Amino acid sequence: MKASELRELDVDELLRKKAELKDQLFKLRFQHELGQLENAAKVQTVRRDIARIETIVNEIRAKAKA
Protein backbone atom coordinates (compact mmCIF):
# COMPACT_ATOMS: atom_id res chain seq x y z
CA MET A 1 0.00 0.00 0.00
CA LYS A 2 1.34 3.41 -0.91
CA ALA A 3 1.94 6.15 1.62
CA SER A 4 -0.15 8.58 -0.41
CA GLU A 5 -3.15 6.25 -0.09
CA LEU A 6 -2.60 5.94 3.65
CA ARG A 7 -2.33 9.69 4.18
CA GLU A 8 -5.92 10.05 2.93
CA LEU A 9 -7.21 7.99 5.88
CA ASP A 10 -7.84 9.30 9.38
CA VAL A 11 -6.12 7.97 12.51
CA ASP A 12 -8.90 5.54 13.46
CA GLU A 13 -8.91 3.96 10.00
CA LEU A 14 -5.12 3.72 10.06
CA LEU A 15 -5.17 1.97 13.42
CA ARG A 16 -7.80 -0.50 12.16
CA LYS A 17 -5.69 -1.16 9.08
CA LYS A 18 -2.62 -1.68 11.28
CA ALA A 19 -4.49 -4.23 13.41
CA GLU A 20 -5.58 -6.10 10.27
CA LEU A 21 -2.01 -6.15 8.97
CA LYS A 22 -0.64 -7.40 12.29
CA ASP A 23 -3.16 -10.25 12.21
CA GLN A 24 -2.17 -11.01 8.63
CA LEU A 25 1.52 -10.95 9.60
CA PHE A 26 0.86 -13.44 12.40
CA LYS A 27 -0.87 -15.78 9.96
CA LEU A 28 1.94 -15.40 7.40
CA ARG A 29 4.60 -16.20 10.01
CA PHE A 30 2.62 -19.24 11.08
CA GLN A 31 2.36 -20.44 7.46
CA HIS A 32 6.08 -19.81 6.98
CA GLU A 33 6.97 -21.97 9.99
CA LEU A 34 4.76 -24.78 8.71
CA GLY A 35 6.29 -24.53 5.25
CA GLN A 36 2.99 -23.60 3.62
CA LEU A 37 3.91 -20.04 2.59
CA GLU A 38 4.33 -19.73 -1.16
CA ASN A 39 5.41 -16.09 -1.29
CA ALA A 40 7.95 -15.38 1.45
CA ALA A 41 8.33 -11.77 0.28
CA LYS A 42 4.76 -11.10 1.46
CA VAL A 43 6.01 -11.09 5.07
CA GLN A 44 8.41 -8.26 4.33
CA THR A 45 5.75 -6.31 2.43
CA VAL A 46 3.30 -6.53 5.33
CA ARG A 47 6.00 -5.46 7.81
CA ARG A 48 6.79 -2.42 5.69
CA ASP A 49 3.11 -1.50 5.43
CA ILE A 50 2.81 -1.64 9.23
CA ALA A 51 5.87 0.60 9.58
CA ARG A 52 4.41 3.04 7.04
CA ILE A 53 1.18 3.26 8.98
CA GLU A 54 3.02 3.81 12.28
CA THR A 55 5.08 6.59 10.71
CA ILE A 56 2.03 8.36 9.31
CA VAL A 57 0.14 8.08 12.61
CA ASN A 58 3.13 9.57 14.44
CA GLU A 59 3.30 12.43 11.92
CA ILE A 60 -0.41 13.17 12.37
CA ARG A 61 -0.09 13.13 16.16
CA ALA A 62 2.97 15.40 16.05
CA LYS A 63 1.08 17.91 13.90
CA ALA A 64 -1.83 17.83 16.33
CA LYS A 65 0.46 18.64 19.26
CA ALA A 66 2.14 21.54 17.44
PDB file of N, CA and C in Angstrom:
ATOM      1  N   MET A   1       0.842  -1.162   0.000  1.00  0.00           N
ATOM      2  CA  MET A   1       0.000   0.000   0.000  1.00  0.00           C
ATOM      3  C   MET A   1       0.898   1.239   0.000  1.00  0.00           C
ATOM      4  N   LYS A   2       0.522   2.221  -0.779  1.00  0.00           N
ATOM      5  CA  LYS A   2       1.340   3.411  -0.911  1.00  0.00           C
ATOM      6  C   LYS A   2       1.058   4.396   0.211  1.00  0.00           C
ATOM      7  N   ALA A   3       2.072   5.166   0.559  1.00  0.00           N
ATOM      8  CA  ALA A   3       1.940   6.153   1.624  1.00  0.00           C
ATOM      9  C   ALA A   3       0.903   7.211   1.267  1.00  0.00           C
ATOM     10  N   SER A   4       0.823   7.571  -0.002  1.00  0.00           N
ATOM     11  CA  SER A   4      -0.155   8.583  -0.410  1.00  0.00           C
ATOM     12  C   SER A   4      -1.585   8.097  -0.169  1.00  0.00           C
ATOM     13  N   GLU A   5      -1.827   6.825  -0.359  1.00  0.00           N
ATOM     14  CA  GLU A   5      -3.146   6.250  -0.085  1.00  0.00           C
ATOM     15  C   GLU A   5      -3.441   6.264   1.414  1.00  0.00           C
ATOM     16  N   LEU A   6      -2.423   5.995   2.207  1.00  0.00           N
ATOM     17  CA  LEU A   6      -2.598   5.938   3.655  1.00  0.00           C
ATOM     18  C   LEU A   6      -2.819   7.324   4.244  1.00  0.00           C
ATOM     19  N   ARG A   7      -2.193   8.331   3.664  1.00  0.00           N
ATOM     20  CA  ARG A   7      -2.335   9.693   4.181  1.00  0.00           C
ATOM     21  C   ARG A   7      -3.753  10.225   4.018  1.00  0.00           C
ATOM     22  N   GLU A   8      -4.541   9.632   3.138  1.00  0.00           N
ATOM     23  CA  GLU A   8      -5.921  10.053   2.928  1.00  0.00           C
ATOM     24  C   GLU A   8      -6.847   9.553   4.038  1.00  0.00           C
ATOM     25  N   LEU A   9      -6.387   8.576   4.821  1.00  0.00           N
ATOM     26  CA  LEU A   9      -7.205   7.992   5.878  1.00  0.00           C
ATOM     27  C   LEU A   9      -7.012   8.754   7.183  1.00  0.00           C
ATOM     28  N   ASP A  10      -8.003   8.669   8.072  1.00  0.00           N
ATOM     29  CA  ASP A  10      -7.841   9.298   9.377  1.00  0.00           C
ATOM     30  C   ASP A  10      -7.193   8.305  10.349  1.00  0.00           C
ATOM     31  N   VAL A  11      -6.888   8.769  11.549  1.00  0.00           N
ATOM     32  CA  VAL A  11      -6.121   7.972  12.510  1.00  0.00           C
ATOM     33  C   VAL A  11      -6.846   6.678  12.873  1.00  0.00           C
ATOM     34  N   ASP A  12      -8.159   6.744  13.087  1.00  0.00           N
ATOM     35  CA  ASP A  12      -8.904   5.537  13.463  1.00  0.00           C
ATOM     36  C   ASP A  12      -8.845   4.476  12.367  1.00  0.00           C
ATOM     37  N   GLU A  13      -8.984   4.903  11.122  1.00  0.00           N
ATOM     38  CA  GLU A  13      -8.914   3.956  10.004  1.00  0.00           C
ATOM     39  C   GLU A  13      -7.512   3.376   9.878  1.00  0.00           C
ATOM     40  N   LEU A  14      -6.503   4.215  10.116  1.00  0.00           N
ATOM     41  CA  LEU A  14      -5.123   3.724  10.057  1.00  0.00           C
ATOM     42  C   LEU A  14      -4.859   2.690  11.140  1.00  0.00           C
ATOM     43  N   LEU A  15      -5.374   2.931  12.328  1.00  0.00           N
ATOM     44  CA  LEU A  15      -5.167   1.975  13.420  1.00  0.00           C
ATOM     45  C   LEU A  15      -5.898   0.658  13.156  1.00  0.00           C
ATOM     46  N   ARG A  16      -7.088   0.736  12.536  1.00  0.00           N
ATOM     47  CA  ARG A  16      -7.805  -0.496  12.164  1.00  0.00           C
ATOM     48  C   ARG A  16      -7.009  -1.269  11.108  1.00  0.00           C
ATOM     49  N   LYS A  17      -6.476  -0.533  10.141  1.00  0.00           N
ATOM     50  CA  LYS A  17      -5.686  -1.165   9.078  1.00  0.00           C
ATOM     51  C   LYS A  17      -4.434  -1.814   9.662  1.00  0.00           C
ATOM     52  N   LYS A  18      -3.812  -1.139  10.632  1.00  0.00           N
ATOM     53  CA  LYS A  18      -2.621  -1.682  11.278  1.00  0.00           C
ATOM     54  C   LYS A  18      -2.946  -2.982  12.009  1.00  0.00           C
ATOM     55  N   ALA A  19      -4.084  -3.015  12.701  1.00  0.00           N
ATOM     56  CA  ALA A  19      -4.495  -4.227  13.409  1.00  0.00           C
ATOM     57  C   ALA A  19      -4.730  -5.377  12.431  1.00  0.00           C
ATOM     58  N   GLU A  20      -5.358  -5.072  11.299  1.00  0.00           N
ATOM     59  CA  GLU A  20      -5.583  -6.096  10.270  1.00  0.00           C
ATOM     60  C   GLU A  20      -4.260  -6.632   9.739  1.00  0.00           C
ATOM     61  N   LEU A  21      -3.307  -5.732   9.495  1.00  0.00           N
ATOM     62  CA  LEU A  21      -2.014  -6.151   8.970  1.00  0.00           C
ATOM     63  C   LEU A  21      -1.222  -6.964   9.982  1.00  0.00           C
ATOM     64  N   LYS A  22      -1.329  -6.620  11.260  1.00  0.00           N
ATOM     65  CA  LYS A  22      -0.642  -7.403  12.293  1.00  0.00           C
ATOM     66  C   LYS A  22      -1.212  -8.813  12.372  1.00  0.00           C
ATOM     67  N   ASP A  23      -2.520  -8.930  12.224  1.00  0.00           N
ATOM     68  CA  ASP A  23      -3.158 -10.247  12.206  1.00  0.00           C
ATOM     69  C   ASP A  23      -2.688 -11.037  10.988  1.00  0.00           C
ATOM     70  N   GLN A  24      -2.634 -10.360   9.855  1.00  0.00           N
ATOM     71  CA  GLN A  24      -2.173 -11.010   8.631  1.00  0.00           C
ATOM     72  C   GLN A  24      -0.716 -11.448   8.775  1.00  0.00           C
ATOM     73  N   LEU A  25       0.115 -10.606   9.398  1.00  0.00           N
ATOM     74  CA  LEU A  25       1.519 -10.946   9.603  1.00  0.00           C
ATOM     75  C   LEU A  25       1.658 -12.184  10.487  1.00  0.00           C
ATOM     76  N   PHE A  26       0.839 -12.268  11.531  1.00  0.00           N
ATOM     77  CA  PHE A  26       0.862 -13.441  12.398  1.00  0.00           C
ATOM     78  C   PHE A  26       0.556 -14.701  11.591  1.00  0.00           C
ATOM     79  N   LYS A  27      -0.478 -14.621  10.759  1.00  0.00           N
ATOM     80  CA  LYS A  27      -0.865 -15.785   9.955  1.00  0.00           C
ATOM     81  C   LYS A  27       0.225 -16.152   8.953  1.00  0.00           C
ATOM     82  N   LEU A  28       0.871 -15.134   8.361  1.00  0.00           N
ATOM     83  CA  LEU A  28       1.943 -15.398   7.402  1.00  0.00           C
ATOM     84  C   LEU A  28       3.139 -16.056   8.085  1.00  0.00           C
ATOM     85  N   ARG A  29       3.481 -15.594   9.270  1.00  0.00           N
ATOM     86  CA  ARG A  29       4.596 -16.202  10.008  1.00  0.00           C
ATOM     87  C   ARG A  29       4.278 -17.646  10.367  1.00  0.00           C
ATOM     88  N   PHE A  30       3.046 -17.889  10.735  1.00  0.00           N
ATOM     89  CA  PHE A  30       2.624 -19.238  11.078  1.00  0.00           C
ATOM     90  C   PHE A  30       2.740 -20.143   9.849  1.00  0.00           C
ATOM     91  N   GLN A  31       2.266 -19.674   8.706  1.00  0.00           N
ATOM     92  CA  GLN A  31       2.359 -20.444   7.464  1.00  0.00           C
ATOM     93  C   GLN A  31       3.817 -20.689   7.098  1.00  0.00           C
ATOM     94  N   HIS A  32       4.660 -19.677   7.309  1.00  0.00           N
ATOM     95  CA  HIS A  32       6.077 -19.812   6.983  1.00  0.00           C
ATOM     96  C   HIS A  32       6.728 -20.911   7.821  1.00  0.00           C
ATOM     97  N   GLU A  33       6.407 -20.942   9.101  1.00  0.00           N
ATOM     98  CA  GLU A  33       6.968 -21.969   9.987  1.00  0.00           C
ATOM     99  C   GLU A  33       6.504 -23.368   9.602  1.00  0.00           C
ATOM    100  N   LEU A  34       5.282 -23.470   9.113  1.00  0.00           N
ATOM    101  CA  LEU A  34       4.761 -24.777   8.709  1.00  0.00           C
ATOM    102  C   LEU A  34       5.189 -25.173   7.298  1.00  0.00           C
ATOM    103  N   GLY A  35       5.837 -24.249   6.606  1.00  0.00           N
ATOM    104  CA  GLY A  35       6.290 -24.533   5.251  1.00  0.00           C
ATOM    105  C   GLY A  35       5.188 -24.418   4.212  1.00  0.00           C
ATOM    106  N   GLN A  36       4.117 -23.716   4.530  1.00  0.00           N
ATOM    107  CA  GLN A  36       2.987 -23.596   3.615  1.00  0.00           C
ATOM    108  C   GLN A  36       2.968 -22.261   2.876  1.00  0.00           C
ATOM    109  N   LEU A  37       3.902 -21.376   3.191  1.00  0.00           N
ATOM    110  CA  LEU A  37       3.911 -20.044   2.592  1.00  0.00           C
ATOM    111  C   LEU A  37       4.557 -20.100   1.219  1.00  0.00           C
ATOM    112  N   GLU A  38       3.813 -19.693   0.210  1.00  0.00           N
ATOM    113  CA  GLU A  38       4.328 -19.727  -1.157  1.00  0.00           C
ATOM    114  C   GLU A  38       5.152 -18.500  -1.493  1.00  0.00           C
ATOM    115  N   ASN A  39       4.727 -17.339  -0.980  1.00  0.00           N
ATOM    116  CA  ASN A  39       5.408 -16.088  -1.293  1.00  0.00           C
ATOM    117  C   ASN A  39       6.016 -15.510  -0.016  1.00  0.00           C
ATOM    118  N   ALA A  40       7.283 -15.818   0.221  1.00  0.00           N
ATOM    119  CA  ALA A  40       7.951 -15.381   1.448  1.00  0.00           C
ATOM    120  C   ALA A  40       8.149 -13.872   1.473  1.00  0.00           C
ATOM    121  N   ALA A  41       8.153 -13.227   0.343  1.00  0.00           N
ATOM    122  CA  ALA A  41       8.327 -11.769   0.281  1.00  0.00           C
ATOM    123  C   ALA A  41       7.112 -11.030   0.832  1.00  0.00           C
ATOM    124  N   LYS A  42       5.989 -11.709   0.938  1.00  0.00           N
ATOM    125  CA  LYS A  42       4.764 -11.099   1.459  1.00  0.00           C
ATOM    126  C   LYS A  42       4.954 -10.673   2.911  1.00  0.00           C
ATOM    127  N   VAL A  43       5.748 -11.425   3.673  1.00  0.00           N
ATOM    128  CA  VAL A  43       6.005 -11.095   5.073  1.00  0.00           C
ATOM    129  C   VAL A  43       6.687  -9.729   5.150  1.00  0.00           C
ATOM    130  N   GLN A  44       7.677  -9.528   4.334  1.00  0.00           N
ATOM    131  CA  GLN A  44       8.405  -8.263   4.326  1.00  0.00           C
ATOM    132  C   GLN A  44       7.513  -7.107   3.883  1.00  0.00           C
ATOM    133  N   THR A  45       6.669  -7.345   2.908  1.00  0.00           N
ATOM    134  CA  THR A  45       5.749  -6.312   2.429  1.00  0.00           C
ATOM    135  C   THR A  45       4.779  -5.888   3.517  1.00  0.00           C
ATOM    136  N   VAL A  46       4.244  -6.836   4.249  1.00  0.00           N
ATOM    137  CA  VAL A  46       3.304  -6.531   5.328  1.00  0.00           C
ATOM    138  C   VAL A  46       4.018  -5.772   6.444  1.00  0.00           C
ATOM    139  N   ARG A  47       5.244  -6.171   6.773  1.00  0.00           N
ATOM    140  CA  ARG A  47       6.000  -5.459   7.813  1.00  0.00           C
ATOM    141  C   ARG A  47       6.254  -4.016   7.414  1.00  0.00           C
ATOM    142  N   ARG A  48       6.560  -3.781   6.162  1.00  0.00           N
ATOM    143  CA  ARG A  48       6.790  -2.415   5.687  1.00  0.00           C
ATOM    144  C   ARG A  48       5.513  -1.587   5.713  1.00  0.00           C
ATOM    145  N   ASP A  49       4.390  -2.210   5.380  1.00  0.00           N
ATOM    146  CA  ASP A  49       3.111  -1.497   5.433  1.00  0.00           C
ATOM    147  C   ASP A  49       2.783  -1.087   6.866  1.00  0.00           C
ATOM    148  N   ILE A  50       3.055  -1.964   7.817  1.00  0.00           N
ATOM    149  CA  ILE A  50       2.815  -1.641   9.227  1.00  0.00           C
ATOM    150  C   ILE A  50       3.700  -0.465   9.639  1.00  0.00           C
ATOM    151  N   ALA A  51       4.952  -0.491   9.242  1.00  0.00           N
ATOM    152  CA  ALA A  51       5.869   0.600   9.581  1.00  0.00           C
ATOM    153  C   ALA A  51       5.412   1.912   8.943  1.00  0.00           C
ATOM    154  N   ARG A  52       4.927   1.846   7.708  1.00  0.00           N
ATOM    155  CA  ARG A  52       4.413   3.036   7.035  1.00  0.00           C
ATOM    156  C   ARG A  52       3.249   3.645   7.811  1.00  0.00           C
ATOM    157  N   ILE A  53       2.347   2.796   8.236  1.00  0.00           N
ATOM    158  CA  ILE A  53       1.185   3.264   8.984  1.00  0.00           C
ATOM    159  C   ILE A  53       1.625   3.897  10.303  1.00  0.00           C
ATOM    160  N   GLU A  54       2.543   3.260  11.017  1.00  0.00           N
ATOM    161  CA  GLU A  54       3.018   3.813  12.283  1.00  0.00           C
ATOM    162  C   GLU A  54       3.677   5.169  12.072  1.00  0.00           C
ATOM    163  N   THR A  55       4.432   5.325  11.005  1.00  0.00           N
ATOM    164  CA  THR A  55       5.082   6.591  10.707  1.00  0.00           C
ATOM    165  C   THR A  55       4.060   7.684  10.437  1.00  0.00           C
ATOM    166  N   ILE A  56       3.059   7.373   9.647  1.00  0.00           N
ATOM    167  CA  ILE A  56       2.033   8.358   9.310  1.00  0.00           C
ATOM    168  C   ILE A  56       1.219   8.745  10.542  1.00  0.00           C
ATOM    169  N   VAL A  57       0.881   7.779  11.380  1.00  0.00           N
ATOM    170  CA  VAL A  57       0.141   8.075  12.613  1.00  0.00           C
ATOM    171  C   VAL A  57       0.973   8.992  13.512  1.00  0.00           C
ATOM    172  N   ASN A  58       2.263   8.719  13.627  1.00  0.00           N
ATOM    173  CA  ASN A  58       3.127   9.571  14.440  1.00  0.00           C
ATOM    174  C   ASN A  58       3.216  10.981  13.869  1.00  0.00           C
ATOM    175  N   GLU A  59       3.273  11.109  12.553  1.00  0.00           N
ATOM    176  CA  GLU A  59       3.298  12.431  11.920  1.00  0.00           C
ATOM    177  C   GLU A  59       2.016  13.202  12.216  1.00  0.00           C
ATOM    178  N   ILE A  60       0.882  12.510  12.117  1.00  0.00           N
ATOM    179  CA  ILE A  60      -0.413  13.165  12.374  1.00  0.00           C
ATOM    180  C   ILE A  60      -0.483  13.622  13.825  1.00  0.00           C
ATOM    181  N   ARG A  61      -0.049  12.780  14.735  1.00  0.00           N
ATOM    182  CA  ARG A  61      -0.093  13.134  16.158  1.00  0.00           C
ATOM    183  C   ARG A  61       0.870  14.279  16.473  1.00  0.00           C
ATOM    184  N   ALA A  62       2.020  14.313  15.821  1.00  0.00           N
ATOM    185  CA  ALA A  62       2.973  15.403  16.047  1.00  0.00           C
ATOM    186  C   ALA A  62       2.407  16.731  15.547  1.00  0.00           C
ATOM    187  N   LYS A  63       1.705  16.695  14.425  1.00  0.00           N
ATOM    188  CA  LYS A  63       1.077  17.911  13.897  1.00  0.00           C
ATOM    189  C   LYS A  63      -0.026  18.399  14.829  1.00  0.00           C
ATOM    190  N   ALA A  64      -0.742  17.455  15.429  1.00  0.00           N
ATOM    191  CA  ALA A  64      -1.831  17.833  16.328  1.00  0.00           C
ATOM    192  C   ALA A  64      -1.284  18.491  17.605  1.00  0.00           C
ATOM    193  N   LYS A  65      -0.140  18.062  18.070  1.00  0.00           N
ATOM    194  CA  LYS A  65       0.461  18.641  19.258  1.00  0.00           C
ATOM    195  C   LYS A  65       1.040  20.025  18.991  1.00  0.00           C
ATOM    196  N   ALA A  66       1.483  20.252  17.788  1.00  0.00           N
ATOM    197  CA  ALA A  66       2.138  21.535  17.439  1.00  0.00           C
ATOM    198  C   ALA A  66       1.166  22.659  17.277  1.00  0.00           C
TER     199      ALA A  66
END
